[in-house]
N, C-alpha and C. Protein backbone atom coordinates (compact mmCIF):
# COMPACT_ATOMS: atom_id res chain seq x y z
N MET A 1 0.85 -1.20 0.00
CA MET A 1 0.00 0.00 0.00
C MET A 1 0.88 1.24 0.00
N THR A 2 0.62 2.17 -0.89
CA THR A 2 1.38 3.40 -0.97
C THR A 2 1.12 4.28 0.24
N LYS A 3 2.18 4.86 0.80
CA LYS A 3 2.03 5.75 1.94
C LYS A 3 1.29 7.01 1.54
N ILE A 4 0.47 7.51 2.44
CA ILE A 4 -0.18 8.80 2.26
C ILE A 4 0.86 9.90 2.45
N THR A 5 0.89 10.86 1.55
CA THR A 5 1.82 11.99 1.69
C THR A 5 1.08 13.19 2.26
N ILE A 6 1.65 13.73 3.32
CA ILE A 6 1.05 14.85 4.03
C ILE A 6 1.97 16.06 3.91
N ALA A 7 1.43 17.20 3.48
CA ALA A 7 2.17 18.45 3.45
C ALA A 7 1.69 19.32 4.61
N ILE A 8 2.57 19.58 5.57
CA ILE A 8 2.26 20.49 6.67
C ILE A 8 2.71 21.88 6.23
N VAL A 9 1.77 22.79 6.11
CA VAL A 9 2.09 24.12 5.58
C VAL A 9 2.88 24.91 6.62
N ASP A 10 4.10 25.25 6.27
CA ASP A 10 5.00 25.98 7.17
C ASP A 10 4.98 27.45 6.79
N TYR A 11 4.34 28.26 7.63
CA TYR A 11 4.30 29.70 7.40
C TYR A 11 4.89 30.47 8.58
N GLY A 12 5.69 29.73 9.36
CA GLY A 12 6.44 30.38 10.43
C GLY A 12 5.71 30.55 11.74
N MET A 13 4.57 29.86 11.93
CA MET A 13 3.82 29.97 13.18
C MET A 13 3.30 28.60 13.59
N GLY A 14 3.60 28.22 14.83
CA GLY A 14 3.05 26.96 15.33
C GLY A 14 4.11 25.91 15.58
N ASN A 15 3.72 24.92 16.36
CA ASN A 15 4.62 23.83 16.71
C ASN A 15 4.51 22.73 15.66
N ILE A 16 5.21 22.93 14.57
CA ILE A 16 5.12 22.00 13.45
C ILE A 16 5.73 20.65 13.77
N ARG A 17 6.79 20.64 14.57
CA ARG A 17 7.50 19.39 14.82
C ARG A 17 6.60 18.34 15.46
N SER A 18 5.79 18.71 16.45
CA SER A 18 4.94 17.72 17.11
C SER A 18 3.87 17.19 16.17
N VAL A 19 3.35 18.06 15.29
CA VAL A 19 2.38 17.61 14.29
C VAL A 19 3.05 16.67 13.30
N HIS A 20 4.24 17.04 12.85
CA HIS A 20 5.03 16.21 11.94
C HIS A 20 5.25 14.82 12.53
N ASN A 21 5.66 14.77 13.80
CA ASN A 21 5.93 13.49 14.45
C ASN A 21 4.68 12.63 14.56
N SER A 22 3.54 13.25 14.82
CA SER A 22 2.30 12.49 14.95
C SER A 22 1.95 11.78 13.65
N PHE A 23 2.09 12.47 12.52
CA PHE A 23 1.76 11.84 11.24
C PHE A 23 2.80 10.81 10.83
N GLU A 24 4.04 10.99 11.23
CA GLU A 24 5.05 9.95 10.99
C GLU A 24 4.71 8.69 11.78
N ARG A 25 4.22 8.87 13.01
CA ARG A 25 3.82 7.71 13.83
C ARG A 25 2.69 6.94 13.16
N LEU A 26 1.88 7.64 12.37
CA LEU A 26 0.77 7.00 11.67
C LEU A 26 1.20 6.37 10.34
N GLY A 27 2.49 6.45 10.03
CA GLY A 27 3.01 5.80 8.83
C GLY A 27 2.95 6.63 7.57
N CYS A 28 2.70 7.94 7.72
CA CYS A 28 2.63 8.81 6.55
C CYS A 28 4.01 9.30 6.13
N THR A 29 4.13 9.68 4.87
CA THR A 29 5.28 10.43 4.40
C THR A 29 4.96 11.90 4.60
N VAL A 30 5.78 12.60 5.39
CA VAL A 30 5.42 13.95 5.83
C VAL A 30 6.49 14.95 5.40
N ALA A 31 6.03 16.10 4.90
CA ALA A 31 6.93 17.21 4.58
C ALA A 31 6.37 18.47 5.21
N SER A 32 7.20 19.16 6.00
CA SER A 32 6.85 20.49 6.49
C SER A 32 7.40 21.48 5.46
N THR A 33 6.53 22.24 4.82
CA THR A 33 6.96 22.90 3.59
C THR A 33 6.30 24.25 3.36
N SER A 34 7.03 25.11 2.67
CA SER A 34 6.49 26.37 2.13
C SER A 34 6.51 26.34 0.61
N SER A 35 6.64 25.14 0.05
CA SER A 35 6.75 24.97 -1.40
C SER A 35 5.39 24.74 -2.05
N ALA A 36 5.05 25.54 -3.02
CA ALA A 36 3.79 25.36 -3.75
C ALA A 36 3.77 24.02 -4.46
N ALA A 37 4.94 23.59 -4.96
CA ALA A 37 5.01 22.31 -5.67
C ALA A 37 4.72 21.14 -4.74
N GLU A 38 5.26 21.18 -3.52
CA GLU A 38 5.02 20.09 -2.57
C GLU A 38 3.57 20.10 -2.09
N ILE A 39 2.98 21.28 -1.96
CA ILE A 39 1.56 21.37 -1.61
C ILE A 39 0.72 20.74 -2.71
N ALA A 40 1.06 21.02 -3.95
CA ALA A 40 0.29 20.51 -5.09
C ALA A 40 0.43 18.99 -5.24
N SER A 41 1.57 18.43 -4.83
CA SER A 41 1.80 17.00 -5.05
C SER A 41 1.38 16.12 -3.87
N ALA A 42 1.12 16.70 -2.71
CA ALA A 42 0.73 15.93 -1.53
C ALA A 42 -0.68 15.39 -1.67
N ASP A 43 -0.97 14.34 -0.91
CA ASP A 43 -2.33 13.79 -0.89
C ASP A 43 -3.26 14.65 -0.03
N ALA A 44 -2.70 15.31 0.98
CA ALA A 44 -3.52 16.11 1.89
C ALA A 44 -2.66 17.19 2.54
N LEU A 45 -3.33 18.22 3.06
CA LEU A 45 -2.65 19.34 3.68
C LEU A 45 -3.03 19.47 5.15
N ILE A 46 -2.06 19.90 5.95
CA ILE A 46 -2.30 20.26 7.34
C ILE A 46 -1.92 21.72 7.50
N LEU A 47 -2.84 22.50 8.08
CA LEU A 47 -2.59 23.91 8.34
C LEU A 47 -2.56 24.10 9.85
N PRO A 48 -1.36 24.08 10.46
CA PRO A 48 -1.27 24.25 11.91
C PRO A 48 -1.26 25.74 12.26
N GLY A 49 -0.98 26.05 13.50
CA GLY A 49 -0.83 27.46 13.84
C GLY A 49 -1.04 27.77 15.31
N VAL A 50 -0.19 28.64 15.82
CA VAL A 50 -0.33 29.20 17.16
C VAL A 50 0.04 30.67 17.05
N GLY A 51 -0.83 31.56 17.56
CA GLY A 51 -0.52 32.98 17.50
C GLY A 51 -1.71 33.78 17.03
N ALA A 52 -1.43 34.96 16.47
CA ALA A 52 -2.47 35.90 16.08
C ALA A 52 -2.90 35.71 14.63
N PHE A 53 -4.19 35.84 14.38
CA PHE A 53 -4.78 35.63 13.06
C PHE A 53 -4.15 36.56 12.02
N GLY A 54 -4.07 37.85 12.33
CA GLY A 54 -3.56 38.81 11.36
C GLY A 54 -2.14 38.52 10.93
N GLN A 55 -1.29 38.17 11.90
CA GLN A 55 0.10 37.84 11.57
C GLN A 55 0.17 36.57 10.74
N ALA A 56 -0.70 35.62 11.04
CA ALA A 56 -0.72 34.38 10.28
C ALA A 56 -1.07 34.64 8.81
N VAL A 57 -2.10 35.46 8.58
CA VAL A 57 -2.48 35.79 7.22
C VAL A 57 -1.35 36.53 6.50
N ALA A 58 -0.69 37.46 7.22
CA ALA A 58 0.43 38.19 6.63
C ALA A 58 1.56 37.24 6.24
N ASN A 59 1.84 36.26 7.10
CA ASN A 59 2.90 35.30 6.79
C ASN A 59 2.53 34.43 5.60
N LEU A 60 1.29 33.99 5.54
CA LEU A 60 0.85 33.18 4.39
C LEU A 60 0.99 33.95 3.10
N ASN A 61 0.60 35.22 3.12
CA ASN A 61 0.72 36.05 1.92
C ASN A 61 2.17 36.32 1.57
N ALA A 62 2.99 36.59 2.58
CA ALA A 62 4.40 36.89 2.33
C ALA A 62 5.13 35.71 1.69
N ARG A 63 4.73 34.50 2.03
CA ARG A 63 5.37 33.30 1.47
C ARG A 63 4.65 32.79 0.23
N GLY A 64 3.66 33.52 -0.23
CA GLY A 64 2.95 33.12 -1.45
C GLY A 64 2.19 31.82 -1.32
N LEU A 65 1.61 31.57 -0.13
CA LEU A 65 0.99 30.28 0.13
C LEU A 65 -0.53 30.26 -0.02
N VAL A 66 -1.16 31.42 -0.03
CA VAL A 66 -2.62 31.43 -0.08
C VAL A 66 -3.14 30.80 -1.37
N ALA A 67 -2.62 31.24 -2.51
CA ALA A 67 -3.10 30.70 -3.79
C ALA A 67 -2.85 29.20 -3.91
N PRO A 68 -1.65 28.68 -3.56
CA PRO A 68 -1.45 27.23 -3.64
C PRO A 68 -2.40 26.43 -2.75
N ILE A 69 -2.69 26.95 -1.54
CA ILE A 69 -3.62 26.25 -0.65
C ILE A 69 -5.01 26.22 -1.26
N LEU A 70 -5.49 27.36 -1.72
CA LEU A 70 -6.84 27.42 -2.29
C LEU A 70 -6.95 26.58 -3.56
N ARG A 71 -5.91 26.60 -4.37
CA ARG A 71 -5.92 25.79 -5.60
C ARG A 71 -5.96 24.30 -5.25
N ALA A 72 -5.17 23.89 -4.27
CA ALA A 72 -5.13 22.48 -3.88
C ALA A 72 -6.48 22.00 -3.38
N VAL A 73 -7.15 22.84 -2.60
CA VAL A 73 -8.44 22.44 -2.02
C VAL A 73 -9.57 22.57 -3.02
N ARG A 74 -9.66 23.72 -3.69
CA ARG A 74 -10.81 23.99 -4.54
C ARG A 74 -10.73 23.32 -5.91
N GLU A 75 -9.53 23.27 -6.48
CA GLU A 75 -9.39 22.72 -7.82
C GLU A 75 -8.97 21.26 -7.82
N GLN A 76 -8.08 20.90 -6.90
CA GLN A 76 -7.59 19.52 -6.86
C GLN A 76 -8.37 18.64 -5.90
N GLY A 77 -9.20 19.24 -5.05
CA GLY A 77 -10.01 18.46 -4.12
C GLY A 77 -9.25 17.79 -3.01
N LYS A 78 -8.11 18.36 -2.63
CA LYS A 78 -7.30 17.76 -1.57
C LYS A 78 -7.93 17.99 -0.21
N PRO A 79 -7.96 16.97 0.65
CA PRO A 79 -8.40 17.18 2.03
C PRO A 79 -7.44 18.09 2.77
N LEU A 80 -7.98 18.92 3.65
CA LEU A 80 -7.18 19.83 4.47
C LEU A 80 -7.70 19.78 5.89
N LEU A 81 -6.77 19.73 6.84
CA LEU A 81 -7.10 19.78 8.26
C LEU A 81 -6.41 20.98 8.88
N GLY A 82 -7.19 21.92 9.41
CA GLY A 82 -6.65 23.06 10.14
C GLY A 82 -6.64 22.76 11.63
N ILE A 83 -5.56 23.12 12.30
CA ILE A 83 -5.39 22.85 13.73
C ILE A 83 -5.24 24.15 14.49
N CYS A 84 -6.11 24.39 15.49
CA CYS A 84 -6.08 25.56 16.36
C CYS A 84 -6.18 26.84 15.53
N LEU A 85 -5.15 27.67 15.48
CA LEU A 85 -5.19 28.86 14.63
C LEU A 85 -5.44 28.47 13.18
N GLY A 86 -4.92 27.33 12.77
CA GLY A 86 -5.14 26.84 11.41
C GLY A 86 -6.61 26.63 11.11
N MET A 87 -7.38 26.18 12.10
CA MET A 87 -8.83 26.06 11.91
C MET A 87 -9.44 27.44 11.74
N GLN A 88 -9.04 28.41 12.55
CA GLN A 88 -9.61 29.75 12.46
C GLN A 88 -9.32 30.40 11.11
N LEU A 89 -8.16 30.09 10.53
CA LEU A 89 -7.81 30.66 9.23
C LEU A 89 -8.73 30.18 8.11
N LEU A 90 -9.48 29.10 8.34
CA LEU A 90 -10.42 28.61 7.33
C LEU A 90 -11.61 29.52 7.17
N ALA A 91 -11.86 30.38 8.17
CA ALA A 91 -13.05 31.24 8.19
C ALA A 91 -12.95 32.36 7.16
N ASP A 92 -14.07 33.06 7.00
CA ASP A 92 -14.09 34.23 6.11
C ASP A 92 -13.33 35.40 6.71
N SER A 93 -13.41 35.55 8.04
CA SER A 93 -12.82 36.74 8.65
C SER A 93 -12.56 36.50 10.14
N SER A 94 -11.77 37.42 10.72
CA SER A 94 -11.51 37.40 12.16
C SER A 94 -11.49 38.82 12.68
N GLU A 95 -11.96 39.00 13.93
CA GLU A 95 -11.93 40.30 14.58
C GLU A 95 -10.73 40.46 15.50
N GLU A 96 -9.80 39.50 15.47
CA GLU A 96 -8.66 39.54 16.39
C GLU A 96 -7.72 40.70 16.04
N HIS A 97 -7.63 41.69 16.92
CA HIS A 97 -6.76 42.86 16.72
C HIS A 97 -7.04 43.54 15.39
N GLY A 98 -8.31 43.75 15.08
CA GLY A 98 -8.69 44.38 13.82
C GLY A 98 -9.57 43.46 13.00
N ASP A 99 -9.80 43.83 11.76
CA ASP A 99 -10.64 43.03 10.86
C ASP A 99 -9.74 42.42 9.80
N HIS A 100 -9.70 41.09 9.75
CA HIS A 100 -8.78 40.39 8.84
C HIS A 100 -9.54 39.38 8.01
N LYS A 101 -9.17 39.25 6.76
CA LYS A 101 -9.78 38.30 5.85
C LYS A 101 -9.10 36.94 5.98
N GLY A 102 -9.91 35.88 6.07
CA GLY A 102 -9.38 34.53 6.13
C GLY A 102 -9.40 33.85 4.77
N LEU A 103 -9.22 32.54 4.77
CA LEU A 103 -9.16 31.78 3.53
C LEU A 103 -10.55 31.55 2.92
N GLY A 104 -11.59 31.65 3.72
CA GLY A 104 -12.95 31.50 3.20
C GLY A 104 -13.30 30.09 2.77
N LEU A 105 -12.69 29.09 3.39
CA LEU A 105 -12.97 27.70 3.01
C LEU A 105 -14.13 27.10 3.80
N VAL A 106 -14.41 27.65 4.97
CA VAL A 106 -15.58 27.27 5.75
C VAL A 106 -16.29 28.56 6.15
N PRO A 107 -17.51 28.80 5.68
CA PRO A 107 -18.18 30.06 5.98
C PRO A 107 -18.32 30.30 7.48
N GLY A 108 -17.84 31.45 7.94
CA GLY A 108 -17.92 31.77 9.36
C GLY A 108 -16.97 32.89 9.71
N SER A 109 -16.97 33.25 10.97
CA SER A 109 -16.09 34.31 11.45
C SER A 109 -15.48 33.92 12.78
N VAL A 110 -14.40 34.58 13.13
CA VAL A 110 -13.67 34.29 14.36
C VAL A 110 -13.85 35.47 15.31
N ARG A 111 -14.30 35.16 16.53
CA ARG A 111 -14.58 36.20 17.52
C ARG A 111 -13.93 35.86 18.85
N ARG A 112 -13.72 36.88 19.69
CA ARG A 112 -13.10 36.67 20.98
C ARG A 112 -14.05 35.91 21.90
N LEU A 113 -13.49 34.97 22.65
CA LEU A 113 -14.26 34.27 23.66
C LEU A 113 -14.76 35.26 24.71
N ALA A 114 -15.98 35.11 25.13
CA ALA A 114 -16.56 35.94 26.20
C ALA A 114 -17.40 35.05 27.10
N PRO A 115 -16.77 34.10 27.79
CA PRO A 115 -17.53 33.16 28.61
C PRO A 115 -18.10 33.83 29.85
N PRO A 116 -19.27 33.39 30.31
CA PRO A 116 -19.85 33.96 31.52
C PRO A 116 -19.24 33.35 32.78
N GLY A 117 -19.62 33.90 33.91
CA GLY A 117 -19.26 33.28 35.18
C GLY A 117 -17.82 33.43 35.58
N GLY A 118 -17.13 34.40 35.01
CA GLY A 118 -15.74 34.63 35.42
C GLY A 118 -14.74 33.63 34.88
N LEU A 119 -15.14 32.81 33.90
CA LEU A 119 -14.19 31.88 33.29
C LEU A 119 -13.10 32.68 32.58
N ARG A 120 -11.87 32.24 32.72
CA ARG A 120 -10.77 33.04 32.19
C ARG A 120 -10.59 32.83 30.69
N VAL A 121 -10.01 33.82 30.09
CA VAL A 121 -9.58 33.77 28.69
C VAL A 121 -8.08 34.06 28.69
N PRO A 122 -7.28 33.19 28.07
CA PRO A 122 -7.66 32.09 27.16
C PRO A 122 -8.23 30.87 27.86
N HIS A 123 -8.93 30.08 27.07
CA HIS A 123 -9.41 28.76 27.48
C HIS A 123 -8.24 27.80 27.31
N VAL A 124 -7.71 27.31 28.43
CA VAL A 124 -6.52 26.46 28.40
C VAL A 124 -6.80 25.18 29.17
N GLY A 125 -6.48 24.05 28.57
CA GLY A 125 -6.54 22.78 29.28
C GLY A 125 -7.43 21.76 28.59
N TRP A 126 -7.63 20.65 29.28
CA TRP A 126 -8.42 19.55 28.75
C TRP A 126 -9.90 19.84 28.90
N ASN A 127 -10.66 19.55 27.85
CA ASN A 127 -12.10 19.73 27.91
C ASN A 127 -12.76 18.68 27.02
N SER A 128 -13.93 18.24 27.43
CA SER A 128 -14.62 17.20 26.69
C SER A 128 -15.41 17.80 25.52
N ILE A 129 -15.79 16.96 24.59
CA ILE A 129 -16.50 17.42 23.40
C ILE A 129 -17.84 16.71 23.26
N ALA A 130 -18.73 17.36 22.52
CA ALA A 130 -19.98 16.74 22.06
C ALA A 130 -19.88 16.63 20.55
N ILE A 131 -20.13 15.45 20.03
CA ILE A 131 -19.95 15.19 18.60
C ILE A 131 -21.23 15.52 17.84
N GLU A 132 -21.10 16.36 16.82
CA GLU A 132 -22.23 16.73 15.98
C GLU A 132 -22.20 16.01 14.63
N GLN A 133 -21.00 15.78 14.10
CA GLN A 133 -20.84 15.02 12.85
C GLN A 133 -19.74 13.99 13.09
N ARG A 134 -20.13 12.74 13.12
CA ARG A 134 -19.19 11.68 13.51
C ARG A 134 -18.19 11.34 12.40
N ASP A 135 -18.63 11.33 11.16
CA ASP A 135 -17.78 10.88 10.06
C ASP A 135 -17.15 12.09 9.36
N PRO A 136 -15.83 12.08 9.10
CA PRO A 136 -14.89 11.00 9.38
C PRO A 136 -14.02 11.21 10.62
N LEU A 137 -13.86 12.48 11.09
CA LEU A 137 -12.87 12.73 12.14
C LEU A 137 -13.18 12.02 13.44
N PHE A 138 -14.46 11.92 13.79
CA PHE A 138 -14.83 11.40 15.10
C PHE A 138 -15.46 10.01 15.02
N SER A 139 -15.12 9.28 13.97
CA SER A 139 -15.74 7.96 13.76
C SER A 139 -15.37 6.97 14.86
N SER A 140 -14.24 7.16 15.52
CA SER A 140 -13.84 6.26 16.60
C SER A 140 -13.90 6.93 17.96
N ALA A 141 -14.45 8.14 18.03
CA ALA A 141 -14.52 8.88 19.29
C ALA A 141 -15.82 8.59 20.02
N HIS A 142 -15.85 8.99 21.28
CA HIS A 142 -17.04 8.83 22.11
C HIS A 142 -17.42 10.19 22.71
N ALA A 143 -18.70 10.38 22.92
CA ALA A 143 -19.15 11.60 23.57
C ALA A 143 -18.46 11.73 24.93
N GLY A 144 -17.92 12.90 25.20
CA GLY A 144 -17.22 13.11 26.46
C GLY A 144 -15.72 12.93 26.37
N ASP A 145 -15.21 12.45 25.22
CA ASP A 145 -13.75 12.37 25.05
C ASP A 145 -13.16 13.76 25.22
N ALA A 146 -12.00 13.84 25.86
CA ALA A 146 -11.38 15.14 26.15
C ALA A 146 -10.16 15.38 25.26
N PHE A 147 -9.99 16.65 24.88
CA PHE A 147 -8.87 17.08 24.06
C PHE A 147 -8.28 18.35 24.68
N TYR A 148 -7.07 18.70 24.24
CA TYR A 148 -6.35 19.81 24.86
C TYR A 148 -6.55 21.10 24.06
N PHE A 149 -7.08 22.13 24.72
CA PHE A 149 -7.39 23.41 24.10
C PHE A 149 -6.46 24.51 24.61
N VAL A 150 -6.11 25.44 23.72
CA VAL A 150 -5.44 26.69 24.08
C VAL A 150 -5.91 27.74 23.08
N HIS A 151 -6.86 28.62 23.48
CA HIS A 151 -7.33 29.63 22.53
C HIS A 151 -8.08 30.74 23.25
N SER A 152 -8.00 31.93 22.66
CA SER A 152 -8.72 33.11 23.16
C SER A 152 -9.85 33.52 22.22
N TYR A 153 -9.82 33.00 20.99
CA TYR A 153 -10.83 33.31 19.98
C TYR A 153 -11.49 32.02 19.53
N HIS A 154 -12.70 32.12 18.99
CA HIS A 154 -13.43 30.92 18.61
C HIS A 154 -14.14 31.12 17.27
N PHE A 155 -14.41 30.03 16.61
CA PHE A 155 -15.03 29.99 15.30
C PHE A 155 -16.55 30.02 15.46
N THR A 156 -17.22 30.93 14.77
CA THR A 156 -18.67 30.95 14.76
C THR A 156 -19.16 30.69 13.34
N CYS A 157 -20.12 29.78 13.20
CA CYS A 157 -20.60 29.41 11.87
C CYS A 157 -21.96 28.76 11.99
N ALA A 158 -22.57 28.49 10.84
CA ALA A 158 -23.86 27.81 10.80
C ALA A 158 -23.71 26.39 11.34
N ASP A 159 -24.79 25.87 11.92
CA ASP A 159 -24.76 24.52 12.51
C ASP A 159 -24.33 23.46 11.50
N ALA A 160 -24.63 23.69 10.22
CA ALA A 160 -24.31 22.69 9.19
C ALA A 160 -22.83 22.40 9.10
N PHE A 161 -21.99 23.34 9.55
CA PHE A 161 -20.54 23.17 9.44
C PHE A 161 -19.88 22.76 10.76
N VAL A 162 -20.67 22.59 11.81
CA VAL A 162 -20.12 22.25 13.12
C VAL A 162 -20.00 20.73 13.25
N ALA A 163 -18.78 20.25 13.49
CA ALA A 163 -18.55 18.82 13.66
C ALA A 163 -18.51 18.42 15.13
N ALA A 164 -18.13 19.34 16.01
CA ALA A 164 -18.10 19.06 17.44
C ALA A 164 -18.10 20.37 18.21
N THR A 165 -18.59 20.31 19.44
CA THR A 165 -18.56 21.48 20.32
C THR A 165 -17.93 21.09 21.65
N THR A 166 -17.52 22.11 22.40
CA THR A 166 -17.10 21.92 23.78
C THR A 166 -17.85 22.92 24.64
N ASP A 167 -17.88 22.70 25.93
CA ASP A 167 -18.61 23.59 26.83
C ASP A 167 -17.62 24.44 27.60
N TYR A 168 -17.69 25.75 27.38
CA TYR A 168 -16.88 26.68 28.15
C TYR A 168 -17.76 27.87 28.51
N GLY A 169 -18.62 27.64 29.50
CA GLY A 169 -19.63 28.62 29.85
C GLY A 169 -20.75 28.68 28.84
N GLY A 170 -20.87 27.65 28.05
CA GLY A 170 -21.81 27.57 26.93
C GLY A 170 -21.11 26.86 25.78
N PRO A 171 -21.86 26.49 24.74
CA PRO A 171 -21.24 25.75 23.63
C PRO A 171 -20.26 26.60 22.84
N VAL A 172 -19.10 26.03 22.56
CA VAL A 172 -18.06 26.65 21.74
C VAL A 172 -17.70 25.65 20.65
N VAL A 173 -17.58 26.11 19.42
CA VAL A 173 -17.24 25.22 18.31
C VAL A 173 -15.85 24.64 18.52
N ALA A 174 -15.78 23.32 18.54
CA ALA A 174 -14.51 22.62 18.72
C ALA A 174 -13.97 22.03 17.43
N ALA A 175 -14.85 21.83 16.44
CA ALA A 175 -14.42 21.28 15.15
C ALA A 175 -15.42 21.67 14.08
N VAL A 176 -14.91 21.88 12.87
CA VAL A 176 -15.75 22.23 11.73
C VAL A 176 -15.43 21.32 10.56
N GLN A 177 -16.37 21.20 9.65
CA GLN A 177 -16.08 20.50 8.40
C GLN A 177 -17.01 20.97 7.30
N ARG A 178 -16.44 21.01 6.10
CA ARG A 178 -17.19 21.32 4.90
C ARG A 178 -16.56 20.54 3.75
N ASP A 179 -17.30 19.58 3.23
CA ASP A 179 -16.75 18.69 2.21
C ASP A 179 -15.47 18.04 2.74
N HIS A 180 -14.32 18.26 2.07
CA HIS A 180 -13.06 17.65 2.53
C HIS A 180 -12.19 18.64 3.30
N VAL A 181 -12.79 19.71 3.81
CA VAL A 181 -12.06 20.69 4.62
C VAL A 181 -12.50 20.52 6.07
N PHE A 182 -11.52 20.34 6.97
CA PHE A 182 -11.80 20.09 8.37
C PHE A 182 -10.97 21.03 9.24
N GLY A 183 -11.46 21.28 10.43
CA GLY A 183 -10.70 22.08 11.37
C GLY A 183 -11.01 21.66 12.79
N VAL A 184 -9.99 21.67 13.66
CA VAL A 184 -10.19 21.38 15.08
C VAL A 184 -9.57 22.51 15.89
N GLN A 185 -10.31 23.02 16.87
CA GLN A 185 -9.82 24.11 17.69
C GLN A 185 -8.78 23.63 18.69
N PHE A 186 -8.89 22.38 19.10
CA PHE A 186 -7.94 21.79 20.05
C PHE A 186 -6.68 21.32 19.33
N HIS A 187 -5.73 20.84 20.11
CA HIS A 187 -4.46 20.34 19.56
C HIS A 187 -4.47 18.81 19.61
N PRO A 188 -4.76 18.12 18.53
CA PRO A 188 -4.72 16.66 18.57
C PRO A 188 -3.33 16.12 18.85
N GLU A 189 -2.30 16.82 18.39
CA GLU A 189 -0.93 16.36 18.62
C GLU A 189 -0.52 16.45 20.09
N ARG A 190 -1.31 17.14 20.91
CA ARG A 190 -1.07 17.24 22.35
C ARG A 190 -2.15 16.54 23.16
N SER A 191 -3.00 15.81 22.48
CA SER A 191 -4.16 15.18 23.14
C SER A 191 -4.01 13.67 23.28
N GLN A 192 -2.78 13.21 23.33
CA GLN A 192 -2.47 11.81 23.62
C GLN A 192 -3.20 10.86 22.67
N SER A 193 -3.72 9.74 23.19
CA SER A 193 -4.26 8.70 22.31
C SER A 193 -5.50 9.16 21.56
N LYS A 194 -6.33 10.00 22.18
CA LYS A 194 -7.54 10.47 21.51
C LYS A 194 -7.18 11.34 20.31
N GLY A 195 -6.17 12.18 20.50
CA GLY A 195 -5.74 13.04 19.40
C GLY A 195 -5.12 12.26 18.26
N LEU A 196 -4.30 11.27 18.60
CA LEU A 196 -3.68 10.46 17.55
C LEU A 196 -4.73 9.65 16.80
N SER A 197 -5.75 9.19 17.51
CA SER A 197 -6.84 8.47 16.85
C SER A 197 -7.57 9.36 15.86
N LEU A 198 -7.81 10.62 16.24
CA LEU A 198 -8.47 11.56 15.33
C LEU A 198 -7.63 11.80 14.08
N LEU A 199 -6.33 11.99 14.27
CA LEU A 199 -5.45 12.18 13.11
C LEU A 199 -5.45 10.92 12.23
N GLY A 200 -5.51 9.76 12.88
CA GLY A 200 -5.59 8.51 12.13
C GLY A 200 -6.87 8.43 11.31
N ASN A 201 -7.97 8.93 11.85
CA ASN A 201 -9.23 8.96 11.09
C ASN A 201 -9.11 9.87 9.88
N PHE A 202 -8.41 10.99 10.04
CA PHE A 202 -8.19 11.88 8.90
C PHE A 202 -7.35 11.18 7.83
N VAL A 203 -6.30 10.50 8.23
CA VAL A 203 -5.45 9.77 7.28
C VAL A 203 -6.26 8.69 6.56
N ALA A 204 -7.11 7.97 7.29
CA ALA A 204 -7.95 6.94 6.66
C ALA A 204 -8.90 7.55 5.63
N HIS A 205 -9.42 8.73 5.94
CA HIS A 205 -10.29 9.44 5.00
C HIS A 205 -9.52 9.80 3.73
N VAL A 206 -8.30 10.30 3.91
CA VAL A 206 -7.45 10.64 2.76
C VAL A 206 -7.16 9.40 1.93
N ALA A 207 -6.88 8.29 2.59
CA ALA A 207 -6.58 7.05 1.89
C ALA A 207 -7.76 6.59 1.04
N ARG A 208 -8.97 6.74 1.56
CA ARG A 208 -10.16 6.35 0.78
C ARG A 208 -10.31 7.22 -0.45
N ILE A 209 -10.02 8.52 -0.30
CA ILE A 209 -10.14 9.43 -1.43
C ILE A 209 -9.10 9.11 -2.49
N THR A 210 -7.86 8.90 -2.07
CA THR A 210 -6.79 8.63 -3.04
C THR A 210 -7.02 7.30 -3.74
N ALA A 211 -7.55 6.31 -3.03
CA ALA A 211 -7.84 5.02 -3.66
C ALA A 211 -8.96 5.17 -4.69
N LYS A 212 -9.96 5.96 -4.36
CA LYS A 212 -11.06 6.19 -5.31
C LYS A 212 -10.58 6.93 -6.55
N ASP A 213 -9.71 7.94 -6.32
CA ASP A 213 -9.18 8.69 -7.46
C ASP A 213 -8.33 7.80 -8.36
N ALA A 214 -7.54 6.91 -7.75
CA ALA A 214 -6.68 6.03 -8.54
C ALA A 214 -7.52 5.04 -9.37
N SER A 215 -8.64 4.60 -8.81
CA SER A 215 -9.47 3.60 -9.52
C SER A 215 -10.21 4.22 -10.70
N THR A 216 -10.32 5.54 -10.73
CA THR A 216 -11.03 6.19 -11.84
C THR A 216 -10.10 6.73 -12.90
N CYS A 217 -8.81 6.51 -12.73
CA CYS A 217 -7.83 7.03 -13.72
C CYS A 217 -7.87 6.18 -14.99
């Protein structure tokens, strides 16, 4: 069986090494890259990220990565998984430190957390999830499984795009999906066995797509 090739988009923000190691543990061929050619040739893309939305968009533009990402997803139909800030970048816009345009791959906007009851911001630590769309990311998960969160802003979108929520003084979007575009607000690479299982579900989804594409050639 041919290994799945994963391109982790390197735009200078985020802990890429731990994400890279997780996909290697799953048996994938992994490249952390700013190369449009490697993005175009990979079976799937990972968009990680830690930091501010505006700086992330500026870095993506400075490295000429926006067009290759959009072309890979919209024209080539490549699956993409956004992690933490990477999930937020999938939105149309963000209000973090101004008004910033996102990639527009999942309709929605990013807003500052405002939890009631004196809950602190950022939301940091382990929190359980409620699954709204089980297939494919949460196909092996259970209601109440916990993942590791670190964020001050959150994704707001129509219910049709919500794959999972968490409770932080009320429901907060924990995962989104639209066609083959996925995003998780938590860090699966820091969420031990549950996180690795979720990444494995993403890889299995990519494998099904690549096998189907190969059979129609």
